[in-house]
Amino acid sequence: RGARGSARGEARRAARGPPAMRVSASWSDNVPERDGQKSTVWDLAFSPDGNRIVAAAGNRVLVYNAASGDLMHSLKWHKEAVYSVDYAADGENFASGSADNTVIVWTKKAEGVLKYSHTDTIQKVKFNPVTKQLASCTANDFGLCIPEEKAVTRTRVNSRILCCDWSHDGQYLALGLYNGCVSIRDQTGQEKVSIKRNA
C-alpha cells in the first residue's frame, strides 16, 4: 500500500507540472525618451565575463554594470535606432548596428574605434567566437570585418537577412533570410550550403 500511495503521489505531482519559478528583479532601468526616439530595447548582450550588459536602446548604446544595474556609459553616436549589439569573445570589444546604416566597433572602455557603413539598415551584428571577425547583416548584403585591419568585405544576398550566427568553431556563418532560406557561408563569405524550406 505504501509503494502504491507513493506512486500515486508522484503521478499527481507530475500531472501538476514543475513548481512555479520564483523570480525577483535584481535591478531595472526605465530608459527615458531622447531626441524623439522611444526607449525600445531592441537587443542585449552580456560581456563574456558576465560583468557588463550592453543594450541597444532607442538611438543609444547603453552599458550597464550587470550586478548593480548602474549605467556606466550612454553612447550616442548613432543617428537612428540601434537594432543589434554583440560582444567579442575576448571581451575587449563590442559592436552596434543601427537603422542609420552604420556599424560601430567599441573598446571595452566604450571608445569608438571603427565605424563603417552599409547601404541599408543593420539588422544584426555578430562576432566570430574564435576570431575577431565581425558579421554585419542588412536587407541586401552582409559585411565581414576584421576590426584590427579596418577592412570590410561586403557580399550581396537575394533576400533580407533577419538573423545570423557563427558555428562554435568559427568556421561558418549561418544567415537566416526573409524568404525562408538559410545560407551557410565560410569566413570569406562564400556560400557552402543553402537550405531551402519547402512550402
C-alpha atoms as a PDB file:
ATOM      1  CA  ARG A   1       0.000   0.000   0.000  1.00  0.00           C
ATOM      2  CA  GLY A   2       2.849   2.398   0.841  1.00  0.00           C
ATOM      3  CA  ALA A   3       4.539   1.883  -2.516  1.00  0.00           C
ATOM      4  CA  ARG A   4       1.220   2.296  -4.346  1.00  0.00           C
ATOM      5  CA  GLY A   5       0.402   5.504  -2.423  1.00  0.00           C
ATOM      6  CA  SER A   6       3.867   6.861  -3.134  1.00  0.00           C
ATOM      7  CA  ALA A   7       3.439   6.150  -6.854  1.00  0.00           C
ATOM      8  CA  ARG A   8       0.057   7.928  -6.879  1.00  0.00           C
ATOM      9  CA  GLY A   9       1.574  10.943  -5.140  1.00  0.00           C
ATOM     10  CA  GLU A  10       4.360  11.115  -7.711  1.00  0.00           C
ATOM     11  CA  ALA A  11       1.808  10.827 -10.543  1.00  0.00           C
ATOM     12  CA  ARG A  12      -0.215  13.726  -9.093  1.00  0.00           C
ATOM     13  CA  ARG A  13       2.897  15.893  -8.741  1.00  0.00           C
ATOM     14  CA  ALA A  14       3.918  15.080 -12.335  1.00  0.00           C
ATOM     15  CA  ALA A  15       0.423  15.993 -13.583  1.00  0.00           C
ATOM     16  CA  ARG A  16       0.622  19.393 -11.861  1.00  0.00           C
ATOM     17  CA  GLY A  17       3.934  20.123 -13.599  1.00  0.00           C
ATOM     18  CA  PRO A  18       7.053  21.650 -12.127  1.00  0.00           C
ATOM     19  CA  PRO A  19       6.737  24.089  -9.242  1.00  0.00           C
ATOM     20  CA  ALA A  20       6.384  27.743 -10.220  1.00  0.00           C
ATOM     21  CA  MET A  21       9.696  29.500 -10.535  1.00  0.00           C
ATOM     22  CA  ARG A  22      10.142  32.475  -8.254  1.00  0.00           C
ATOM     23  CA  VAL A  23      11.699  35.492  -9.919  1.00  0.00           C
ATOM     24  CA  SER A  24      12.879  38.645  -8.256  1.00  0.00           C
ATOM     25  CA  ALA A  25      14.402  41.563 -10.095  1.00  0.00           C
ATOM     26  CA  SER A  26      17.963  42.394  -9.109  1.00  0.00           C
ATOM     27  CA  TRP A  27      17.665  45.758 -10.827  1.00  0.00           C
ATOM     28  CA  SER A  28      15.791  47.523 -13.602  1.00  0.00           C
ATOM     29  CA  ASP A  29      16.120  50.738 -15.545  1.00  0.00           C
ATOM     30  CA  ASN A  30      13.485  52.789 -17.316  1.00  0.00           C
ATOM     31  CA  VAL A  31      15.308  54.306 -20.284  1.00  0.00           C
ATOM     32  CA  PRO A  32      13.889  57.791 -20.997  1.00  0.00           C
ATOM     33  CA  GLU A  33      12.998  59.073 -24.478  1.00  0.00           C
ATOM     34  CA  ARG A  34      15.715  61.144 -26.101  1.00  0.00           C
ATOM     35  CA  ASP A  35      15.501  63.311 -29.216  1.00  0.00           C
ATOM     36  CA  GLY A  36      12.093  61.881 -30.062  1.00  0.00           C
ATOM     37  CA  GLN A  37      13.430  58.315 -30.057  1.00  0.00           C
ATOM     38  CA  LYS A  38      11.379  55.850 -27.998  1.00  0.00           C
ATOM     39  CA  SER A  39      13.227  53.871 -25.369  1.00  0.00           C
ATOM     40  CA  THR A  40      12.601  50.487 -27.016  1.00  0.00           C
ATOM     41  CA  VAL A  41      15.321  47.975 -26.140  1.00  0.00           C
ATOM     42  CA  TRP A  42      15.998  46.080 -29.389  1.00  0.00           C
ATOM     43  CA  ASP A  43      18.897  43.875 -28.342  1.00  0.00           C
ATOM     44  CA  LEU A  44      21.142  42.956 -25.389  1.00  0.00           C
ATOM     45  CA  ALA A  45      24.489  41.235 -24.918  1.00  0.00           C
ATOM     46  CA  PHE A  46      26.394  40.175 -21.815  1.00  0.00           C
ATOM     47  CA  SER A  47      30.156  40.664 -21.759  1.00  0.00           C
ATOM     48  CA  PRO A  48      31.912  37.260 -21.740  1.00  0.00           C
ATOM     49  CA  ASP A  49      32.870  37.684 -18.067  1.00  0.00           C
ATOM     50  CA  GLY A  50      29.248  38.482 -17.189  1.00  0.00           C
ATOM     51  CA  ASN A  51      30.132  41.813 -15.549  1.00  0.00           C
ATOM     52  CA  ARG A  52      28.500  44.117 -18.109  1.00  0.00           C
ATOM     53  CA  ILE A  53      25.393  44.255 -20.253  1.00  0.00           C
ATOM     54  CA  VAL A  54      25.323  46.310 -23.433  1.00  0.00           C
ATOM     55  CA  ALA A  55      21.846  47.354 -24.624  1.00  0.00           C
ATOM     56  CA  ALA A  56      20.558  48.732 -27.923  1.00  0.00           C
ATOM     57  CA  ALA A  57      18.014  51.269 -26.632  1.00  0.00           C
ATOM     58  CA  GLY A  58      16.482  53.857 -28.936  1.00  0.00           C
ATOM     59  CA  ASN A  59      19.340  55.531 -30.787  1.00  0.00           C
ATOM     60  CA  ARG A  60      21.815  54.903 -27.984  1.00  0.00           C
ATOM     61  CA  VAL A  61      24.088  52.123 -26.821  1.00  0.00           C
ATOM     62  CA  LEU A  62      23.901  51.715 -23.042  1.00  0.00           C
ATOM     63  CA  VAL A  63      26.488  49.870 -20.971  1.00  0.00           C
ATOM     64  CA  TYR A  64      25.384  48.671 -17.535  1.00  0.00           C
ATOM     65  CA  ASN A  65      27.100  47.053 -14.586  1.00  0.00           C
ATOM     66  CA  ALA A  66      25.348  43.668 -14.667  1.00  0.00           C
ATOM     67  CA  ALA A  67      25.400  43.185 -10.886  1.00  0.00           C
ATOM     68  CA  SER A  68      24.255  46.610  -9.692  1.00  0.00           C
ATOM     69  CA  GLY A  69      22.415  47.982 -12.731  1.00  0.00           C
ATOM     70  CA  ASP A  70      24.470  51.174 -12.635  1.00  0.00           C
ATOM     71  CA  LEU A  71      24.609  52.877 -16.030  1.00  0.00           C
ATOM     72  CA  MET A  72      28.300  53.045 -16.915  1.00  0.00           C
ATOM     73  CA  HIS A  73      28.080  54.588 -20.404  1.00  0.00           C
ATOM     74  CA  SER A  74      25.374  56.138 -22.580  1.00  0.00           C
ATOM     75  CA  LEU A  75      26.773  56.259 -26.111  1.00  0.00           C
ATOM     76  CA  LYS A  76      25.002  58.387 -28.691  1.00  0.00           C
ATOM     77  CA  TRP A  77      26.951  58.096 -31.920  1.00  0.00           C
ATOM     78  CA  HIS A  78      24.159  56.551 -33.967  1.00  0.00           C
ATOM     79  CA  LYS A  79      21.608  58.897 -35.560  1.00  0.00           C
ATOM     80  CA  GLU A  80      18.731  56.387 -35.670  1.00  0.00           C
ATOM     81  CA  ALA A  81      17.531  53.345 -33.721  1.00  0.00           C
ATOM     82  CA  VAL A  82      20.190  50.795 -32.737  1.00  0.00           C
ATOM     83  CA  TYR A  83      18.881  47.314 -33.571  1.00  0.00           C
ATOM     84  CA  SER A  84      21.755  44.996 -32.686  1.00  0.00           C
ATOM     85  CA  VAL A  85      24.703  44.708 -30.285  1.00  0.00           C
ATOM     86  CA  ASP A  86      27.247  41.971 -29.606  1.00  0.00           C
ATOM     87  CA  TYR A  87      30.405  41.390 -27.571  1.00  0.00           C
ATOM     88  CA  ALA A  88      33.611  39.877 -28.933  1.00  0.00           C
ATOM     89  CA  ALA A  89      34.597  36.589 -27.276  1.00  0.00           C
ATOM     90  CA  ASP A  90      37.643  38.142 -25.563  1.00  0.00           C
ATOM     91  CA  GLY A  91      35.513  40.971 -24.107  1.00  0.00           C
ATOM     92  CA  GLU A  92      37.858  43.634 -25.488  1.00  0.00           C
ATOM     93  CA  ASN A  93      35.321  45.000 -27.985  1.00  0.00           C
ATOM     94  CA  PHE A  94      31.605  45.204 -28.612  1.00  0.00           C
ATOM     95  CA  ALA A  95      29.744  46.334 -31.715  1.00  0.00           C
ATOM     96  CA  SER A  96      26.473  48.100 -32.512  1.00  0.00           C
ATOM     97  CA  GLY A  97      24.431  48.235 -35.717  1.00  0.00           C
ATOM     98  CA  SER A  98      21.768  50.824 -36.484  1.00  0.00           C
ATOM     99  CA  ALA A  99      18.969  51.959 -38.793  1.00  0.00           C
ATOM    100  CA  ASP A 100      21.353  54.751 -39.833  1.00  0.00           C
ATOM    101  CA  ASN A 101      23.179  52.025 -41.881  1.00  0.00           C
ATOM    102  CA  THR A 102      26.303  52.171 -39.712  1.00  0.00           C
ATOM    103  CA  VAL A 103      28.227  49.705 -37.585  1.00  0.00           C
ATOM    104  CA  ILE A 104      30.436  50.943 -34.754  1.00  0.00           C
ATOM    105  CA  VAL A 105      33.080  48.844 -33.018  1.00  0.00           C
ATOM    106  CA  TRP A 106      33.778  49.983 -29.446  1.00  0.00           C
ATOM    107  CA  THR A 107      36.505  49.153 -26.941  1.00  0.00           C
ATOM    108  CA  LYS A 108      35.511  47.756 -23.542  1.00  0.00           C
ATOM    109  CA  LYS A 109      36.095  51.307 -22.246  1.00  0.00           C
ATOM    110  CA  ALA A 110      33.313  52.486 -24.611  1.00  0.00           C
ATOM    111  CA  GLU A 111      35.599  54.275 -27.062  1.00  0.00           C
ATOM    112  CA  GLY A 112      34.561  54.095 -30.726  1.00  0.00           C
ATOM    113  CA  VAL A 113      37.487  52.677 -32.728  1.00  0.00           C
ATOM    114  CA  LEU A 114      35.897  51.816 -36.083  1.00  0.00           C
ATOM    115  CA  LYS A 115      32.808  52.976 -37.955  1.00  0.00           C
ATOM    116  CA  TYR A 116      31.689  51.655 -41.334  1.00  0.00           C
ATOM    117  CA  SER A 117      28.535  51.839 -43.438  1.00  0.00           C
ATOM    118  CA  HIS A 118      26.204  49.687 -45.472  1.00  0.00           C
ATOM    119  CA  THR A 119      23.514  50.910 -47.885  1.00  0.00           C
ATOM    120  CA  ASP A 120      20.639  49.712 -45.688  1.00  0.00           C
ATOM    121  CA  THR A 121      19.565  49.273 -42.057  1.00  0.00           C
ATOM    122  CA  ILE A 122      21.761  46.978 -39.983  1.00  0.00           C
ATOM    123  CA  GLN A 123      19.631  44.017 -38.883  1.00  0.00           C
ATOM    124  CA  LYS A 124      22.231  42.072 -36.912  1.00  0.00           C
ATOM    125  CA  VAL A 125      25.876  42.219 -35.806  1.00  0.00           C
ATOM    126  CA  LYS A 126      27.671  39.092 -34.598  1.00  0.00           C
ATOM    127  CA  PHE A 127      31.311  38.492 -33.615  1.00  0.00           C
ATOM    128  CA  ASN A 128      33.015  35.254 -34.603  1.00  0.00           C
ATOM    129  CA  PRO A 129      33.515  33.267 -31.343  1.00  0.00           C
ATOM    130  CA  VAL A 130      37.095  32.319 -32.274  1.00  0.00           C
ATOM    131  CA  THR A 131      38.480  35.229 -34.303  1.00  0.00           C
ATOM    132  CA  LYS A 132      37.718  38.953 -34.041  1.00  0.00           C
ATOM    133  CA  GLN A 133      35.813  38.843 -37.356  1.00  0.00           C
ATOM    134  CA  LEU A 134      32.521  40.716 -37.206  1.00  0.00           C
ATOM    135  CA  ALA A 135      29.490  39.936 -39.381  1.00  0.00           C
ATOM    136  CA  SER A 136      27.030  42.765 -40.073  1.00  0.00           C
ATOM    137  CA  CYS A 137      23.776  41.945 -41.866  1.00  0.00           C
ATOM    138  CA  THR A 138      21.284  44.127 -43.783  1.00  0.00           C
ATOM    139  CA  ALA A 139      18.352  43.729 -46.163  1.00  0.00           C
ATOM    140  CA  ASN A 140      20.571  43.351 -49.220  1.00  0.00           C
ATOM    141  CA  ASP A 141      24.057  42.325 -48.113  1.00  0.00           C
ATOM    142  CA  PHE A 142      26.304  41.256 -45.264  1.00  0.00           C
ATOM    143  CA  GLY A 143      29.722  42.537 -44.295  1.00  0.00           C
ATOM    144  CA  LEU A 144      32.669  40.670 -42.817  1.00  0.00           C
ATOM    145  CA  CYS A 145      35.051  42.919 -40.936  1.00  0.00           C
ATOM    146  CA  ILE A 146      38.307  42.371 -39.111  1.00  0.00           C
ATOM    147  CA  PRO A 147      38.437  45.454 -36.834  1.00  0.00           C
ATOM    148  CA  GLU A 148      42.243  45.435 -36.417  1.00  0.00           C
ATOM    149  CA  GLU A 149      42.687  45.580 -40.197  1.00  0.00           C
ATOM    150  CA  LYS A 150      39.864  48.126 -40.656  1.00  0.00           C
ATOM    151  CA  ALA A 151      38.795  46.176 -43.756  1.00  0.00           C
ATOM    152  CA  VAL A 152      35.235  45.188 -44.660  1.00  0.00           C
ATOM    153  CA  THR A 153      34.167  42.844 -47.462  1.00  0.00           C
ATOM    154  CA  ARG A 154      30.505  43.011 -48.499  1.00  0.00           C
ATOM    155  CA  THR A 155      28.538  40.249 -50.191  1.00  0.00           C
ATOM    156  CA  ARG A 156      25.085  40.764 -51.745  1.00  0.00           C
ATOM    157  CA  VAL A 157      22.162  38.454 -50.941  1.00  0.00           C
ATOM    158  CA  ASN A 158      18.791  37.995 -52.659  1.00  0.00           C
ATOM    159  CA  SER A 159      16.611  38.394 -49.547  1.00  0.00           C
ATOM    160  CA  ARG A 160      16.594  40.385 -46.323  1.00  0.00           C
ATOM    161  CA  ILE A 161      18.804  38.892 -43.616  1.00  0.00           C
ATOM    162  CA  LEU A 162      16.875  38.703 -40.354  1.00  0.00           C
ATOM    163  CA  CYS A 163      19.344  36.820 -38.163  1.00  0.00           C
ATOM    164  CA  CYS A 164      22.759  35.202 -38.159  1.00  0.00           C
ATOM    165  CA  ASP A 165      25.056  33.103 -36.009  1.00  0.00           C
ATOM    166  CA  TRP A 166      28.567  31.665 -36.214  1.00  0.00           C
ATOM    167  CA  SER A 167      29.347  27.986 -35.730  1.00  0.00           C
ATOM    168  CA  HIS A 168      31.036  27.131 -32.433  1.00  0.00           C
ATOM    169  CA  ASP A 169      34.412  26.677 -34.157  1.00  0.00           C
ATOM    170  CA  GLY A 170      34.057  29.999 -36.018  1.00  0.00           C
ATOM    171  CA  GLN A 171      34.381  28.378 -39.438  1.00  0.00           C
ATOM    172  CA  TYR A 172      30.861  29.050 -40.719  1.00  0.00           C
ATOM    173  CA  LEU A 173      28.299  31.841 -40.618  1.00  0.00           C
ATOM    174  CA  ALA A 174      24.606  30.948 -40.909  1.00  0.00           C
ATOM    175  CA  LEU A 175      22.278  33.608 -42.334  1.00  0.00           C
ATOM    176  CA  GLY A 176      18.504  33.404 -41.782  1.00  0.00           C
ATOM    177  CA  LEU A 177      16.688  35.008 -44.717  1.00  0.00           C
ATOM    178  CA  TYR A 178      13.218  36.517 -45.057  1.00  0.00           C
ATOM    179  CA  ASN A 179      12.453  34.175 -47.981  1.00  0.00           C
ATOM    180  CA  GLY A 180      12.691  31.158 -45.641  1.00  0.00           C
ATOM    181  CA  CYS A 181      16.182  30.047 -46.674  1.00  0.00           C
ATOM    182  CA  VAL A 182      19.241  29.505 -44.513  1.00  0.00           C
ATOM    183  CA  SER A 183      22.555  30.280 -46.172  1.00  0.00           C
ATOM    184  CA  ILE A 184      25.744  28.793 -44.697  1.00  0.00           C
ATOM    185  CA  ARG A 185      28.865  30.837 -45.519  1.00  0.00           C
ATOM    186  CA  ASP A 186      32.557  30.401 -44.835  1.00  0.00           C
ATOM    187  CA  GLN A 187      34.803  33.078 -43.317  1.00  0.00           C
ATOM    188  CA  THR A 188      35.300  34.679 -46.751  1.00  0.00           C
ATOM    189  CA  GLY A 189      31.546  34.972 -47.367  1.00  0.00           C
ATOM    190  CA  GLN A 190      31.329  32.167 -49.940  1.00  0.00           C
ATOM    191  CA  GLU A 191      28.121  30.148 -49.767  1.00  0.00           C
ATOM    192  CA  LYS A 192      28.736  26.497 -48.875  1.00  0.00           C
ATOM    193  CA  VAL A 193      25.166  25.285 -48.292  1.00  0.00           C
ATOM    194  CA  SER A 194      21.725  26.716 -48.996  1.00  0.00           C
ATOM    195  CA  ILE A 195      18.853  25.206 -47.031  1.00  0.00           C
ATOM    196  CA  LYS A 196      15.546  25.838 -48.776  1.00  0.00           C
ATOM    197  CA  ARG A 197      12.301  25.353 -46.941  1.00  0.00           C
ATOM    198  CA  ASN A 198       9.580  23.514 -48.869  1.00  0.00           C
ATOM    199  CA  ALA A 199       6.247  25.356 -48.801  1.00  0.00           C
END
